[in-house]
């Protein structure tokens, strides 16, 4: 039941993000990144021991990261090269690399969701694979 509610919520989010994207991809970037950030924050706290490990919550967080990452590249069309003070021009001049990084994040987060169900040790291993991808992409493609 919980999983069905999460999937329904994600479907509603995807539909609303699609509607926003059709209007303005720059406006859709912030809520998409905030979704990833909230999910990452939850698993980061578990990884650090600040929150107790909860396989269901960690799995859900990894699914959220994956689902949002799958649509993230679409938020950077050529028509939206200007107007976002956070996006570096390298996103468009190195588009193949940017797209590959986002695709890898989506795939690795999805694999982490599956592995996390096996237990905390697998969660920590998966987290270690996903965690550096966020910061690595920000270093190259985001104005801090």
Protein backbone atom coordinates (compact mmCIF):
# COMPACT_ATOMS: atom_id res chain seq x y z
CA UNK A 1 0.00 0.00 0.00
CA UNK A 2 2.80 2.39 0.93
CA UNK A 3 4.61 1.64 -2.30
CA UNK A 4 1.42 2.25 -4.29
CA UNK A 5 1.00 5.62 -2.58
CA UNK A 6 4.61 6.52 -3.30
CA UNK A 7 4.19 5.55 -6.95
CA UNK A 8 0.98 7.56 -7.19
CA UNK A 9 2.70 10.56 -5.66
CA UNK A 10 5.61 10.20 -8.06
CA UNK A 11 3.24 9.91 -11.01
CA UNK A 12 1.53 13.13 -9.96
CA UNK A 13 4.92 14.78 -9.56
CA UNK A 14 6.06 13.60 -12.98
CA UNK A 15 2.88 14.89 -14.60
CA UNK A 16 3.20 18.26 -12.91
CA UNK A 17 6.90 18.45 -13.76
CA UNK A 18 6.04 17.63 -17.37
CA UNK A 19 3.51 20.44 -17.44
CA UNK A 20 6.02 22.88 -15.98
CA UNK A 21 8.70 21.68 -18.41
CA UNK A 22 6.41 22.32 -21.34
CA UNK A 23 6.13 25.89 -20.11
CA UNK A 24 9.59 26.64 -18.69
CA UNK A 25 12.37 24.09 -18.14
CA UNK A 26 14.33 26.53 -15.96
CA UNK A 27 11.43 26.72 -13.48
CA UNK A 28 11.25 22.93 -13.36
CA UNK A 29 14.92 22.52 -12.43
CA UNK A 30 14.66 23.79 -8.87
CA UNK A 31 11.84 21.52 -7.68
CA UNK A 32 13.48 18.54 -9.38
CA UNK A 33 16.79 19.22 -7.64
CA UNK A 34 15.01 19.85 -4.33
CA UNK A 35 13.36 16.41 -4.63
CA UNK A 36 16.78 14.85 -5.20
CA UNK A 37 18.27 16.91 -2.36
CA UNK A 38 15.61 15.90 0.17
CA UNK A 39 15.99 12.24 -0.77
CA UNK A 40 19.76 12.46 -0.62
CA UNK A 41 19.58 14.21 2.76
CA UNK A 42 17.52 11.34 4.17
CA UNK A 43 19.97 8.65 3.06
CA UNK A 44 22.97 10.79 4.00
CA UNK A 45 21.69 11.06 7.58
CA UNK A 46 21.23 7.27 7.68
CA UNK A 47 24.71 6.73 6.29
CA UNK A 48 26.22 9.01 8.95
CA UNK A 49 24.24 7.33 11.73
CA UNK A 50 22.30 10.52 12.49
CA UNK A 51 19.09 8.63 11.68
CA UNK A 52 18.49 4.93 12.15
CA UNK A 53 18.78 2.81 9.04
CA UNK A 54 15.35 2.15 7.56
CA UNK A 55 15.48 -0.02 4.44
CA UNK A 56 12.04 1.07 3.22
CA UNK A 57 12.83 4.79 3.57
CA UNK A 58 16.26 4.39 2.01
CA UNK A 59 14.83 2.40 -0.89
CA UNK A 60 12.17 5.06 -1.43
CA UNK A 61 14.82 7.80 -1.35
CA UNK A 62 16.97 6.03 -3.94
CA UNK A 63 13.88 5.56 -6.13
CA UNK A 64 13.15 9.28 -5.83
CA UNK A 65 16.69 10.18 -6.86
CA UNK A 66 16.54 7.81 -9.81
CA UNK A 67 13.13 8.96 -11.01
CA UNK A 68 14.06 12.64 -10.86
CA UNK A 69 17.47 12.05 -12.44
CA UNK A 70 15.82 10.27 -15.37
CA UNK A 71 14.08 13.49 -16.37
CA UNK A 72 16.80 15.92 -15.36
CA UNK A 73 18.63 16.11 -18.71
CA UNK A 74 15.39 17.17 -20.39
CA UNK A 75 15.41 20.31 -18.25
CA UNK A 76 18.43 21.64 -20.14
CA UNK A 77 17.33 22.03 -23.77
CA UNK A 78 19.29 24.34 -26.06
CA UNK A 79 16.47 26.86 -25.77
CA UNK A 80 17.20 27.25 -22.04
CA UNK A 81 20.90 28.11 -22.16
CA UNK A 82 20.41 31.46 -20.49
CA UNK A 83 18.38 32.70 -17.57
CA UNK A 84 19.55 30.30 -14.85
CA UNK A 85 22.29 31.74 -12.66
CA UNK A 86 23.07 28.28 -11.24
CA UNK A 87 23.72 26.45 -14.51
CA UNK A 88 27.17 26.74 -16.05
CA UNK A 89 27.54 26.95 -19.85
CA UNK A 90 29.50 23.68 -19.72
CA UNK A 91 26.16 21.85 -19.45
CA UNK A 92 25.62 22.64 -23.12
CA UNK A 93 29.22 22.62 -24.35
CA UNK A 94 29.78 19.23 -22.69
CA UNK A 95 26.21 17.94 -23.11
CA UNK A 96 27.25 14.34 -23.78
CA UNK A 97 29.17 14.18 -20.50
CA UNK A 98 26.38 15.92 -18.59
CA UNK A 99 23.75 13.55 -19.97
CA UNK A 100 25.95 10.52 -19.23
CA UNK A 101 26.46 11.62 -15.63
CA UNK A 102 22.73 12.11 -15.08
CA UNK A 103 21.95 8.75 -16.70
CA UNK A 104 24.56 7.04 -14.50
CA UNK A 105 23.09 8.66 -11.38
CA UNK A 106 19.63 7.39 -12.32
CA UNK A 107 20.89 3.85 -12.97
CA UNK A 108 23.10 3.69 -9.89
CA UNK A 109 20.35 5.05 -7.63
CA UNK A 110 17.94 2.45 -9.01
CA UNK A 111 20.50 -0.31 -8.37
CA UNK A 112 21.05 1.11 -4.87
CA UNK A 113 17.31 0.90 -4.20
CA UNK A 114 17.39 -2.81 -5.03
CA UNK A 115 20.54 -3.47 -3.02
CA UNK A 116 19.32 -1.52 0.01
CA UNK A 117 16.47 -3.97 0.50
CA UNK A 118 19.13 -6.57 1.40
CA UNK A 119 20.30 -4.68 4.47
CA UNK A 120 22.40 -1.91 5.93
CA UNK A 121 25.77 -3.16 4.65
CA UNK A 122 24.47 -3.18 1.07
CA UNK A 123 22.92 0.24 1.66
CA UNK A 124 26.27 1.68 2.76
CA UNK A 125 28.07 0.19 -0.23
CA UNK A 126 25.42 1.55 -2.58
CA UNK A 127 25.43 4.95 -0.92
CA UNK A 128 29.20 5.14 -1.38
CA UNK A 129 28.71 4.60 -5.12
CA UNK A 130 25.94 7.19 -5.51
CA UNK A 131 27.13 9.94 -3.15
CA UNK A 132 30.12 11.29 -5.10
CA UNK A 133 28.08 11.61 -8.28
CA UNK A 134 26.06 14.52 -6.90
CA UNK A 135 29.04 16.58 -5.84
CA UNK A 136 31.05 15.64 -8.91
CA UNK A 137 28.37 16.93 -11.23
CA UNK A 138 27.90 20.11 -9.19
CA UNK A 139 31.64 20.86 -9.34
CA UNK A 140 31.59 20.88 -13.13
CA UNK A 141 28.10 22.06 -14.03
CA UNK A 142 26.71 24.21 -11.21
CA UNK A 143 27.61 27.70 -10.06
CA UNK A 144 27.72 27.50 -6.28
